[in-house]
Protein backbone atom coordinates (compact mmCIF):
# COMPACT_ATOMS: atom_id res chain seq x y z
CA VAL A 1 -0.04 -0.25 0.28
CA GLY A 2 0.83 3.38 -0.90
CA MET A 3 4.29 1.96 -3.47
CA GLY A 4 2.88 2.99 -6.70
CA LEU A 5 2.56 -0.30 -8.46
CA GLN A 6 2.37 -0.56 -11.39
CA ILE A 7 -0.21 -3.18 -13.59
CA THR A 8 2.46 -4.06 -15.60
CA ARG A 9 0.72 -7.11 -17.77
CA PRO A 10 -2.92 -6.56 -19.66
CA PRO A 11 -5.18 -7.94 -17.31
CA LEU A 12 -7.88 -11.28 -18.46
CA PRO A 13 -10.48 -9.27 -20.34
CA MET A 14 -13.76 -8.12 -17.52
CA LEU A 15 -17.46 -8.27 -18.12
CA ALA A 16 -18.89 -5.66 -15.74
CA ILE A 17 -22.46 -6.74 -14.87
CA PRO A 18 -23.88 -4.70 -11.45
CA THR A 19 -26.06 -6.41 -8.85
CA THR A 20 -26.76 -3.63 -6.92
CA ALA A 21 -27.55 0.65 -8.24
CA GLY A 22 -25.75 2.36 -5.95
CA THR A 23 -21.41 2.53 -6.94
CA GLY A 24 -21.13 2.96 -10.57
CA SER A 25 -17.82 1.01 -10.04
CA GLU A 26 -18.14 -0.46 -13.66
CA ALA A 27 -18.48 3.57 -15.22
CA THR A 28 -14.71 4.03 -13.31
CA LYS A 29 -11.18 2.28 -13.66
CA ASN A 30 -11.13 1.89 -9.37
CA ALA A 31 -11.19 -0.88 -7.41
CA VAL A 32 -11.01 -0.77 -4.02
CA ILE A 33 -8.88 -2.68 -0.70
CA SER A 34 -10.28 -2.91 2.56
CA SER A 35 -7.98 -3.75 5.81
CA TYR A 36 -9.15 -3.81 9.17
CA GLU A 37 -5.80 -4.97 10.56
CA PRO A 38 -3.55 -3.03 9.37
CA LYS A 39 -6.95 -0.59 9.63
CA PHE A 40 -7.30 1.63 5.73
CA LYS A 41 -9.81 1.49 2.57
CA LYS A 42 -7.86 2.38 -0.14
CA SER A 43 -8.84 2.71 -3.76
CA LEU A 44 -6.14 0.74 -6.24
CA ARG A 45 -6.60 3.37 -10.29
CA SER A 46 -5.23 1.73 -13.82
CA ASP A 47 -6.64 2.62 -17.31
CA GLN A 48 -6.21 -1.20 -18.22
CA MET A 49 -9.01 -2.24 -15.19
CA VAL A 50 -12.16 -0.26 -16.69
CA PRO A 51 -14.33 -3.03 -17.48
CA ASP A 52 -14.40 -3.43 -21.53
CA LEU A 53 -17.34 -4.63 -21.56
CA VAL A 54 -21.24 -3.23 -18.79
CA LEU A 55 -24.38 -5.11 -19.34
CA VAL A 56 -26.05 -2.93 -16.81
CA ASP A 57 -30.18 -4.48 -16.05
CA PRO A 58 -32.06 -3.51 -13.88
CA GLU A 59 -33.57 -7.07 -13.34
CA LEU A 60 -30.49 -8.28 -11.45
CA THR A 61 -31.04 -5.41 -8.56
CA VAL A 62 -34.98 -6.85 -7.96
CA SER A 63 -33.96 -9.36 -5.25
CA VAL A 64 -31.57 -6.81 -3.48
CA SER A 65 -33.37 -6.56 -0.01
CA PRO A 66 -34.72 -2.41 0.62
CA GLU A 67 -31.99 -2.17 3.07
CA THR A 68 -29.49 -2.62 0.49
CA THR A 69 -31.68 -0.72 -1.93
CA ALA A 70 -31.51 1.84 0.41
CA TYR A 71 -28.05 1.54 1.12
CA SER A 72 -26.94 1.35 -2.22
CA GLY A 73 -29.08 4.22 -3.98
CA MET A 74 -28.48 6.57 -1.55
CA ASP A 75 -24.58 6.31 -2.58
CA ALA A 76 -25.45 6.56 -6.23
CA LEU A 77 -27.10 9.92 -4.93
CA THR A 78 -24.29 11.00 -2.97
CA GLN A 79 -21.86 10.14 -5.81
CA CYS A 80 -23.48 12.53 -8.48
CA ILE A 81 -24.64 15.54 -5.89
CA GLU A 82 -20.74 15.22 -4.49
CA SER A 83 -19.26 14.94 -8.09
CA TYR A 84 -21.77 18.04 -9.01
CA ILE A 85 -20.22 20.41 -6.33
CA SER A 86 -16.69 19.36 -6.26
CA ARG A 87 -13.71 21.81 -6.57
CA ARG A 88 -12.86 19.70 -9.88
CA THR A 89 -15.93 19.02 -11.54
CA GLN A 90 -16.27 18.92 -14.95
CA PRO A 91 -19.16 20.38 -17.65
CA ILE A 92 -19.78 16.98 -19.43
CA PRO A 93 -19.96 14.78 -15.90
CA ARG A 94 -21.47 17.38 -14.41
CA ALA A 95 -24.24 17.73 -16.45
CA LEU A 96 -24.50 13.51 -16.27
CA ALA A 97 -24.90 13.99 -12.58
CA LEU A 98 -27.29 15.99 -12.49
CA GLN A 99 -29.86 14.30 -14.11
CA GLY A 100 -28.69 10.93 -11.61
CA THR A 101 -28.88 12.83 -8.80
CA ARG A 102 -33.23 13.53 -10.34
CA TYR A 103 -33.12 10.07 -11.36
CA ALA A 104 -32.35 9.23 -7.85
CA ILE A 105 -33.64 11.71 -5.64
CA THR A 106 -36.90 10.32 -7.05
CA SER A 107 -36.20 6.99 -7.42
CA ILE A 108 -34.48 5.67 -4.34
CA GLU A 109 -38.25 5.97 -2.50
CA GLU A 110 -40.07 3.52 -5.01
CA ALA A 111 -37.74 1.07 -5.27
CA PHE A 112 -37.00 0.45 -1.26
CA LYS A 113 -40.73 0.92 -0.77
CA ASP A 114 -41.66 -1.77 -4.31
CA PRO A 115 -38.55 -3.95 -4.77
CA GLN A 116 -40.78 -4.60 -8.32
CA SER A 117 -40.71 -1.62 -9.44
CA ARG A 118 -39.63 -1.74 -12.99
CA THR A 119 -39.57 1.74 -13.59
CA ALA A 120 -37.94 2.49 -10.10
CA ARG A 121 -35.19 -0.15 -10.71
CA GLU A 122 -34.73 1.25 -14.50
CA ARG A 123 -34.06 5.14 -13.12
CA MET A 124 -32.19 3.66 -10.39
CA SER A 125 -29.46 1.60 -12.46
CA HIS A 126 -29.26 4.31 -14.83
CA ALA A 127 -28.64 6.80 -12.06
CA ALA A 128 -25.57 4.21 -10.56
CA LEU A 129 -24.13 4.08 -13.50
CA LEU A 130 -24.53 8.16 -14.79
CA SER A 131 -22.85 8.74 -10.78
CA GLY A 132 -19.98 6.33 -11.51
CA ILE A 133 -18.98 8.07 -15.01
CA ALA A 134 -19.77 11.37 -12.99
CA LEU A 135 -16.66 10.54 -9.79
CA ALA A 136 -14.49 9.63 -12.53
CA ASN A 137 -14.23 12.50 -14.63
CA SER A 138 -15.24 15.47 -11.57
CA GLY A 139 -14.60 13.87 -8.40
CA LEU A 140 -16.10 13.07 -4.62
CA GLY A 141 -15.99 15.25 -1.33
CA MET A 142 -16.48 14.94 2.25
CA ALA A 143 -19.58 12.18 2.30
CA HIS A 144 -16.71 10.36 0.97
CA GLY A 145 -14.31 10.76 2.22
CA VAL A 146 -15.59 10.18 6.11
CA ALA A 147 -17.71 7.33 4.87
CA ALA A 148 -14.54 5.54 3.80
CA ALA A 149 -13.05 5.64 7.87
CA LEU A 150 -16.11 4.86 9.14
CA GLY A 151 -16.19 1.29 6.89
CA VAL A 152 -12.66 1.08 8.11
CA HIS A 153 -13.14 2.13 11.69
CA CYS A 154 -16.15 1.11 12.55
CA ARG A 155 -17.14 -1.36 10.00
CA VAL A 156 -20.36 0.58 9.22
CA PRO A 157 -21.04 -0.15 5.14
CA HIS A 158 -20.07 2.71 2.74
CA GLY A 159 -23.79 3.25 1.34
CA LEU A 160 -25.20 4.19 4.59
CA ALA A 161 -21.98 6.29 5.75
CA CYS A 162 -22.12 8.14 2.73
CA ALA A 163 -25.92 8.60 3.48
CA VAL A 164 -25.59 9.76 7.31
CA MET A 165 -23.15 12.58 6.15
CA LEU A 166 -24.51 13.76 3.20
CA PRO A 167 -26.85 16.04 4.78
CA THR A 168 -23.92 17.37 6.55
CA ALA A 169 -21.52 17.40 4.28
CA LEU A 170 -24.11 18.82 2.06
CA SER A 171 -24.78 21.75 5.38
CA VAL A 172 -20.54 22.34 5.79
CA ASN A 173 -19.83 23.00 2.13
CA GLN A 174 -23.14 25.34 1.26
CA GLN A 175 -21.83 28.22 1.13
CA GLU A 176 -19.08 28.03 -1.47
CA ALA A 177 -21.02 25.84 -3.22
CA THR A 178 -24.80 27.78 -2.97
CA ARG A 179 -25.09 28.08 -6.77
CA ARG A 180 -23.92 24.27 -8.14
CA LEU A 181 -26.17 23.53 -5.20
CA SER A 182 -29.73 26.20 -6.42
CA GLU A 183 -29.27 24.45 -9.41
CA LEU A 184 -29.22 20.88 -8.65
CA ALA A 185 -32.63 22.13 -7.02
CA ARG A 186 -34.33 23.64 -9.42
CA ASP A 187 -33.18 20.78 -11.24
CA CYS A 188 -35.58 18.44 -8.94
CA GLY A 189 -38.61 21.07 -8.94
CA HIS A 190 -38.17 23.67 -6.01
CA GLY A 191 -39.05 27.07 -7.20
CA ASP A 192 -37.41 29.06 -10.46
CA ASP A 193 -35.04 30.87 -11.50
CA SER A 194 -36.10 33.68 -9.26
CA SER A 195 -36.14 31.84 -6.23
CA ASN A 196 -33.04 33.08 -3.45
CA ASP A 197 -30.18 30.27 -4.65
CA ASN A 198 -29.68 30.34 -0.36
CA HIS A 199 -32.99 29.07 -0.15
CA LEU A 200 -32.91 26.70 -2.88
CA CYS A 201 -29.82 24.98 -0.92
CA GLU A 202 -32.29 24.89 2.89
CA GLU A 203 -35.06 23.31 0.33
CA PHE A 204 -32.53 21.30 -1.64
CA ILE A 205 -30.62 19.96 2.07
CA ASP A 206 -33.98 19.35 3.99
CA ARG A 207 -35.25 17.80 1.12
CA ILE A 208 -32.23 15.28 1.47
CA LYS A 209 -32.54 14.69 5.48
CA ASP A 210 -36.53 13.96 5.07
CA LEU A 211 -35.37 11.09 1.17
CA CYS A 212 -32.59 9.99 4.62
CA GLN A 213 -35.35 9.57 6.88
CA ARG A 214 -38.13 7.76 4.44
CA VAL A 215 -35.74 5.59 3.59
CA GLY A 216 -34.69 4.08 7.09
CA ILE A 217 -31.03 5.49 7.36
CA PRO A 218 -29.91 7.32 11.35
CA GLN A 219 -29.21 10.32 11.87
CA ARG A 220 -26.73 10.73 14.08
CA LEU A 221 -23.30 9.12 14.52
CA SER A 222 -23.98 6.65 17.42
CA GLU A 223 -27.00 5.21 15.62
CA ILE A 224 -24.55 3.02 13.37
CA GLY A 225 -21.75 2.45 16.20
CA VAL A 226 -19.68 4.80 16.53
CA ASP A 227 -17.50 5.93 19.70
CA ALA A 228 -16.35 9.28 20.25
CA SER A 229 -13.43 7.46 20.60
CA GLN A 230 -12.80 6.89 17.46
CA LEU A 231 -13.73 10.11 16.34
CA PRO A 232 -9.59 11.06 15.66
CA ASP A 233 -8.60 8.06 14.28
CA ILE A 234 -11.45 8.23 11.61
CA VAL A 235 -10.52 11.63 11.33
CA LYS A 236 -7.05 10.67 9.89
CA SER A 237 -8.35 8.14 8.45
CA SER A 238 -11.13 10.67 6.15
CA ARG A 239 -7.71 12.62 4.30
CA GLY A 240 -7.87 10.23 0.59
CA ASN A 241 -8.77 11.30 -2.64
CA SER A 242 -12.42 11.85 -2.16
CA MET A 243 -11.97 14.36 0.59
CA SER A 244 -9.50 16.60 -1.98
CA GLY A 245 -12.19 17.20 -3.77
CA ASN A 246 -14.24 18.89 -1.33
CA PRO A 247 -15.56 22.51 -2.36
CA ARG A 248 -14.54 23.39 1.21
CA GLU A 249 -10.94 23.01 2.70
CA LEU A 250 -11.39 21.25 6.19
CA SER A 251 -8.76 21.27 8.94
CA ASP A 252 -8.40 18.14 11.01
CA GLU A 253 -9.90 20.46 14.38
CA GLU A 254 -13.02 21.23 12.02
CA LEU A 255 -13.66 18.15 10.65
CA LEU A 256 -13.40 16.68 14.39
CA LYS A 257 -16.19 19.65 15.46
CA ILE A 258 -18.27 18.58 13.29
CA LEU A 259 -18.53 14.88 13.53
CA GLU A 260 -18.27 15.32 17.42
CA ASP A 261 -21.80 17.51 16.27
CA MET A 262 -22.79 14.04 14.54
CA LEU A 263 -22.89 11.97 17.29
């Protein structure tokens, strides 16, 4: 880990067939390896790891439990939103993230409550694919940075960790990302061109909070097994590639205070 080793021989041809609507990893050059001893979660990246062919069939997600549907769906939504407001955001993936956000925010609850809904499953699979393309080209932010650390130190499922962190991450970044968040709000049906941007941001964040509650996402870190004594290590482990895309620069002290307030 951390030695910069490269893939030197062509890997076997790969057909990627996602069975959840969440990570979007089928559209990336990333693979993730986690270790609990020593504790780390790192991405492996290589252009040679991009799948040769991707088959996205929403039917394969129908048997996924409501819980996993919610967690993976919120991962896709978080990826779309964070890549849209990332400091590394780019125009084309931003357009894809906009569509992915709209699909996910209006379909997660239906897929959660009615697993057989073909429309909801299709829209979530589409959103997940778009989220993978977007994050691969624009980066992510605080929610994903902390989520990786929560997975390592507290063994919180990744999508759940992203969902718990998303409302707070949006509030933390609101001032730096007002224009982008208001664009997302308008595209998702809030207000119009004459509406106040700050007000739209608040409406959008409230909508995310409400969506989380409706699909069973806890609001506090303590509810997902996080202890105050773990927070300093979580802060240290949050400093990965995802955090580098966050719109607002956060010191360790600031991040620790944010997480303490979330306990």
